[in-house]
Amino acid sequence: MRGGASGGHGGHRTLSVVSSPLPDRPTGVASGPESLARLRDQIVACRRCPRLVSWREQVAAQRRAAFADQDYWGRPVPGFGDPAARIVVLGLAPAAHGGNRTGRVFTGDRSGDWLFAALWRAGLANQPTSVSADDGLELRRVYVLAAVRCAPPQNKPTPAERDTCAPFLRRELALLAEARVLVALGQFAYQVAATELAIRPRPRFHHGVEAAAPDGKVVVCSFHPSQQNTFTGRLTEPMLDAVFERARVLARPS
C-alpha cells in the first residue's frame, strides 16, 4: 500500500495501491504540513498501547498454519483509498490474520471479502477481492480505515485503546476534505464516529440507521460483515449493497 494517486477511471480520481507493499520499517515522522502520507508514517510507528503492541507482534511471530510461509506485517494498520473520497468506511480494528498479516485494513479476511465485493458492486472499487497489499485494488471516492489501528486480543479493544487511537481518525477526517458520509461497520465504529462528529442525541445503532453531524456529514450504519453476521444471515449482500447505495446518494455534491 502506498499513498500515490493514479489516473482516474470513469471520471473518478483514484488511489493506486498496487505499486509496492508497505516498507519493512516505519519511515519516521516527517516535518512540515500535515498530509496523509505523514500521518500514515506516524500511525505505522505508534507503540502507545503496550497490550496491543504485544498481541500484534505475538500473532505475527506465531503465524496461523495457513499463512506459515508469509511475513506478517505485525504493526499498526493505516487507512487507504482515494484522497478525494466522499465516503469513508470505518471498521473496528484489523483482523489478527487479516490486516495484521497483510498490512492493509480488511485485506485478507472474510469481512474484507464482503466489504470489497460490495464496494465493487457499487462501482466504488475496480475489483471485488482484496487478498494482499499489492493485488491491484483501487478505490474510487472511498477511503477505508479502522477506529483502532492494531489487532486487539479477542477483537475487543479497551476504552483506553480506543481513545488513544481517536486522534488519528480526527486528523484523517480533517485531511479527507471532501468526505461527506461515514459508513460505520458495527456498533463500535458507530460509537466512535458519533463521538468524533459530536452527534447528539445519538440514534440507537441498527442496520440502516442514519445520523447527521453538526458539520453536515452523515453517518450510515451497517451491521459489521463479520462471519458471525454473514453466516447467520443477519447481514446479507442486498442489505450491505443498500447501505452503499444510500451512501452514494448522500455523498453526491449538492
Protein backbone atom coordinates (compact mmCIF):
# COMPACT_ATOMS: atom_id res chain seq x y z
CA MET A 1 0.00 0.00 0.00
CA ARG A 2 1.19 3.49 -0.71
CA GLY A 3 -0.26 6.97 -0.93
CA GLY A 4 0.39 7.85 -4.56
CA ALA A 5 -2.58 8.91 -6.73
CA SER A 6 -3.17 7.19 -10.02
CA GLY A 7 -5.07 8.17 -13.11
CA GLY A 8 -8.85 8.35 -13.00
CA HIS A 9 -11.38 5.77 -14.15
CA GLY A 10 -14.72 6.93 -15.46
CA GLY A 11 -14.08 10.48 -14.28
CA HIS A 12 -13.11 9.42 -10.75
CA ARG A 13 -9.81 10.21 -9.09
CA THR A 14 -8.35 7.04 -7.65
CA LEU A 15 -5.63 5.98 -5.25
CA SER A 16 -3.47 3.16 -6.52
CA VAL A 17 -2.36 0.58 -4.00
CA VAL A 18 -0.58 -1.66 -6.46
CA SER A 19 2.96 -0.37 -6.79
CA SER A 20 4.57 -1.66 -3.63
CA PRO A 21 3.76 -3.15 -0.24
CA LEU A 22 4.33 -1.19 2.94
CA PRO A 23 8.02 -0.74 3.80
CA ASP A 24 9.81 -3.08 6.16
CA ARG A 25 10.21 -0.34 8.76
CA PRO A 26 8.36 2.86 9.54
CA THR A 27 9.89 5.77 7.63
CA GLY A 28 9.70 8.08 10.62
CA VAL A 29 7.72 11.24 11.24
CA ALA A 30 8.27 13.85 8.57
CA SER A 31 8.25 17.53 9.44
CA GLY A 32 6.16 20.09 7.60
CA PRO A 33 2.47 20.36 6.76
CA GLU A 34 0.13 17.53 7.65
CA SER A 35 -0.56 15.04 4.85
CA LEU A 36 -2.00 11.56 4.59
CA ALA A 37 1.49 10.21 3.89
CA ARG A 38 2.99 11.83 7.02
CA LEU A 39 0.06 10.72 9.13
CA ARG A 40 0.46 7.20 7.77
CA ASP A 41 4.10 7.18 8.93
CA GLN A 42 3.04 8.22 12.44
CA ILE A 43 0.33 5.56 12.62
CA VAL A 44 2.70 2.80 11.50
CA ALA A 45 5.30 3.86 14.08
CA CYS A 46 2.86 4.02 17.01
CA ARG A 47 3.62 1.90 20.12
CA ARG A 48 1.41 3.70 22.63
CA CYS A 49 -0.70 0.73 23.76
CA PRO A 50 1.51 -1.98 25.34
CA ARG A 51 -1.19 -4.69 25.26
CA LEU A 52 -1.85 -4.15 21.55
CA VAL A 53 1.85 -3.99 20.68
CA SER A 54 2.45 -7.28 22.50
CA TRP A 55 -0.51 -9.01 20.88
CA ARG A 56 0.03 -7.87 17.30
CA GLU A 57 3.71 -8.92 17.46
CA GLN A 58 2.88 -12.25 19.10
CA VAL A 59 0.40 -13.04 16.34
CA ALA A 60 2.97 -12.07 13.72
CA ALA A 61 5.52 -14.45 15.27
CA GLN A 62 3.11 -17.35 15.90
CA ARG A 63 1.52 -17.44 12.46
CA ARG A 64 -1.60 -19.34 11.53
CA ALA A 65 -0.70 -22.58 9.74
CA ALA A 66 -2.39 -21.47 6.52
CA PHE A 67 -0.07 -18.45 6.36
CA ALA A 68 3.08 -20.00 7.82
CA ASP A 69 5.12 -19.10 4.72
CA GLN A 70 4.11 -15.42 4.80
CA ASP A 71 5.74 -12.47 6.53
CA TYR A 72 3.20 -10.79 8.80
CA TRP A 73 3.00 -7.01 8.96
CA GLY A 74 2.54 -7.00 12.75
CA ARG A 75 2.28 -3.19 13.13
CA PRO A 76 -0.50 -0.59 13.24
CA VAL A 77 -2.51 -0.56 10.01
CA PRO A 78 -3.22 2.85 8.43
CA GLY A 79 -6.22 3.67 6.29
CA PHE A 80 -6.08 3.64 2.49
CA GLY A 81 -8.08 4.73 -0.51
CA ASP A 82 -8.86 7.80 -2.59
CA PRO A 83 -7.66 11.10 -1.08
CA ALA A 84 -10.67 12.73 -2.78
CA ALA A 85 -13.04 10.29 -1.06
CA ARG A 86 -16.58 11.42 -0.38
CA ILE A 87 -17.33 8.19 1.52
CA VAL A 88 -15.28 6.95 4.49
CA VAL A 89 -15.75 3.34 5.64
CA LEU A 90 -14.96 2.86 9.32
CA GLY A 91 -14.38 -0.58 10.83
CA LEU A 92 -13.42 -1.75 14.30
CA ALA A 93 -9.79 -2.91 14.06
CA PRO A 94 -7.52 -5.01 11.82
CA ALA A 95 -8.07 -8.75 11.97
CA ALA A 96 -5.25 -10.68 13.61
CA HIS A 97 -4.62 -12.78 10.49
CA GLY A 98 -6.07 -10.26 8.03
CA GLY A 99 -4.86 -6.66 8.17
CA ASN A 100 -2.27 -7.54 10.80
CA ARG A 101 -0.84 -10.00 8.27
CA THR A 102 -1.22 -8.07 5.01
CA GLY A 103 -0.64 -4.51 6.24
CA ARG A 104 -3.88 -3.25 4.70
CA VAL A 105 -7.13 -2.95 6.61
CA PHE A 106 -9.84 -5.51 5.73
CA THR A 107 -7.44 -7.19 3.29
CA GLY A 108 -7.07 -10.95 3.52
CA ASP A 109 -10.02 -11.79 5.79
CA ARG A 110 -13.65 -12.84 5.38
CA SER A 111 -15.03 -9.45 6.42
CA GLY A 112 -12.95 -7.86 3.68
CA ASP A 113 -14.33 -10.38 1.17
CA TRP A 114 -17.79 -8.98 1.85
CA LEU A 115 -16.76 -5.33 2.05
CA PHE A 116 -14.73 -5.12 -1.16
CA ALA A 117 -17.26 -7.16 -3.12
CA ALA A 118 -19.95 -4.68 -2.03
CA LEU A 119 -17.76 -1.70 -2.97
CA TRP A 120 -17.15 -3.27 -6.39
CA ARG A 121 -20.86 -3.85 -6.98
CA ALA A 122 -21.46 -0.20 -6.07
CA GLY A 123 -18.86 0.97 -8.59
CA LEU A 124 -16.54 2.16 -5.82
CA ALA A 125 -13.73 -0.37 -6.40
CA ASN A 126 -12.10 -1.78 -9.52
CA GLN A 127 -12.25 -5.41 -8.36
CA PRO A 128 -14.33 -7.48 -5.91
CA THR A 129 -11.49 -9.07 -3.96
CA SER A 130 -8.56 -7.98 -1.82
CA VAL A 131 -6.01 -10.55 -0.75
CA SER A 132 -2.74 -8.61 -0.43
CA ALA A 133 -1.44 -5.06 -0.39
CA ASP A 134 -0.17 -5.37 -3.97
CA ASP A 135 -3.14 -7.13 -5.60
CA GLY A 136 -4.21 -4.21 -7.83
CA LEU A 137 -7.13 -2.94 -5.76
CA GLU A 138 -8.15 0.67 -6.38
CA LEU A 139 -10.87 2.51 -4.50
CA ARG A 140 -12.89 5.30 -6.11
CA ARG A 141 -14.13 8.15 -3.96
CA VAL A 142 -13.82 5.86 -0.93
CA TYR A 143 -11.34 5.70 1.96
CA VAL A 144 -11.27 2.71 4.34
CA LEU A 145 -9.88 2.74 7.87
CA ALA A 146 -10.35 1.28 11.34
CA ALA A 147 -11.17 3.01 14.60
CA VAL A 148 -8.35 1.09 16.34
CA ARG A 149 -5.24 0.54 14.25
CA CYS A 150 -3.79 -2.58 15.90
CA ALA A 151 -5.32 -6.05 16.06
CA PRO A 152 -6.71 -6.47 19.60
CA PRO A 153 -6.99 -9.72 21.58
CA GLN A 154 -10.42 -11.33 21.02
CA ASN A 155 -11.16 -8.42 18.68
CA LYS A 156 -12.02 -6.28 21.72
CA PRO A 157 -10.09 -3.02 22.25
CA THR A 158 -10.32 -1.40 25.65
CA PRO A 159 -11.85 2.08 26.03
CA ALA A 160 -8.37 3.47 26.68
CA GLU A 161 -7.02 1.90 23.48
CA ARG A 162 -9.98 3.27 21.53
CA ASP A 163 -9.37 6.75 22.89
CA THR A 164 -5.64 6.59 22.19
CA CYS A 165 -6.37 5.93 18.51
CA ALA A 166 -9.09 8.59 18.22
CA PRO A 167 -6.74 11.46 17.27
CA PHE A 168 -5.62 9.52 14.19
CA LEU A 169 -9.22 9.37 12.98
CA ARG A 170 -9.70 13.06 13.73
CA ARG A 171 -6.67 14.01 11.66
CA GLU A 172 -7.60 11.70 8.78
CA LEU A 173 -11.08 13.17 8.56
CA ALA A 174 -9.59 16.66 8.51
CA LEU A 175 -7.34 15.65 5.61
CA LEU A 176 -10.18 13.95 3.71
CA ALA A 177 -11.72 17.32 2.98
CA GLU A 178 -14.32 16.07 0.51
CA ALA A 179 -15.72 13.34 2.76
CA ARG A 180 -19.44 13.70 3.37
CA VAL A 181 -20.56 10.22 4.51
CA LEU A 182 -19.16 7.78 7.07
CA VAL A 183 -20.30 4.19 6.77
CA ALA A 184 -19.93 2.70 10.25
CA LEU A 185 -19.48 -1.07 10.17
CA GLY A 186 -20.80 -2.22 13.52
CA GLN A 187 -21.80 -0.61 16.78
CA PHE A 188 -18.23 0.03 17.95
CA ALA A 189 -17.41 2.01 14.81
CA TYR A 190 -20.70 3.89 15.08
CA GLN A 191 -19.98 4.94 18.66
CA VAL A 192 -16.52 6.18 17.68
CA ALA A 193 -17.86 8.07 14.65
CA ALA A 194 -20.72 9.63 16.60
CA THR A 195 -18.37 10.76 19.35
CA GLU A 196 -15.86 12.21 16.90
CA LEU A 197 -18.53 14.06 14.92
CA ALA A 198 -20.32 15.31 18.07
CA ILE A 199 -23.65 13.69 17.14
CA ARG A 200 -26.12 14.42 19.96
CA PRO A 201 -28.54 12.91 20.64
CA ARG A 202 -27.18 9.69 19.17
CA PRO A 203 -29.78 7.46 17.48
CA ARG A 204 -29.69 3.87 18.63
CA PHE A 205 -27.49 1.65 16.44
CA HIS A 206 -29.18 -0.60 13.92
CA HIS A 207 -28.55 -1.55 10.34
CA GLY A 208 -29.51 1.33 8.05
CA VAL A 209 -29.77 3.95 10.77
CA GLU A 210 -28.57 7.42 9.74
CA ALA A 211 -27.26 10.16 12.00
CA ALA A 212 -26.47 13.72 10.93
CA ALA A 213 -23.48 15.59 12.37
CA PRO A 214 -23.39 19.34 13.06
CA ASP A 215 -20.81 19.83 10.28
CA GLY A 216 -23.14 18.32 7.67
CA LYS A 217 -21.60 14.85 7.48
CA VAL A 218 -23.90 11.85 7.78
CA VAL A 219 -23.14 8.51 9.43
CA VAL A 220 -24.84 5.49 7.85
CA CYS A 221 -24.82 2.35 9.99
CA SER A 222 -24.35 -1.23 8.85
CA PHE A 223 -24.03 -4.48 10.70
CA HIS A 224 -20.39 -5.49 10.58
CA PRO A 225 -19.60 -8.00 7.79
CA SER A 226 -18.17 -10.46 10.31
CA GLN A 227 -18.70 -14.18 9.85
CA GLN A 228 -20.96 -14.12 12.89
CA ASN A 229 -23.32 -11.83 10.99
CA THR A 230 -22.91 -13.11 7.44
CA PHE A 231 -23.06 -16.84 8.23
CA THR A 232 -26.25 -16.39 10.26
CA GLY A 233 -27.97 -14.20 7.68
CA ARG A 234 -28.15 -11.21 10.00
CA LEU A 235 -26.31 -9.34 7.24
CA THR A 236 -27.00 -10.23 3.61
CA GLU A 237 -25.45 -8.93 0.39
CA PRO A 238 -28.59 -6.94 -0.53
CA MET A 239 -28.53 -5.31 2.93
CA LEU A 240 -24.90 -4.25 2.52
CA ASP A 241 -25.50 -3.12 -1.06
CA ALA A 242 -28.37 -0.92 0.12
CA VAL A 243 -26.08 0.80 2.63
CA PHE A 244 -23.54 1.71 -0.04
CA GLU A 245 -26.23 2.80 -2.49
CA ARG A 246 -27.58 5.12 0.19
CA ALA A 247 -24.06 6.37 0.94
CA ARG A 248 -23.55 7.15 -2.76
CA VAL A 249 -26.75 9.18 -2.84
CA LEU A 250 -25.85 11.14 0.30
CA ALA A 251 -22.29 11.74 -0.97
CA ARG A 252 -23.33 13.38 -4.22
CA PRO A 253 -22.40 17.06 -4.50
CA SER A 254 -25.40 19.25 -3.76
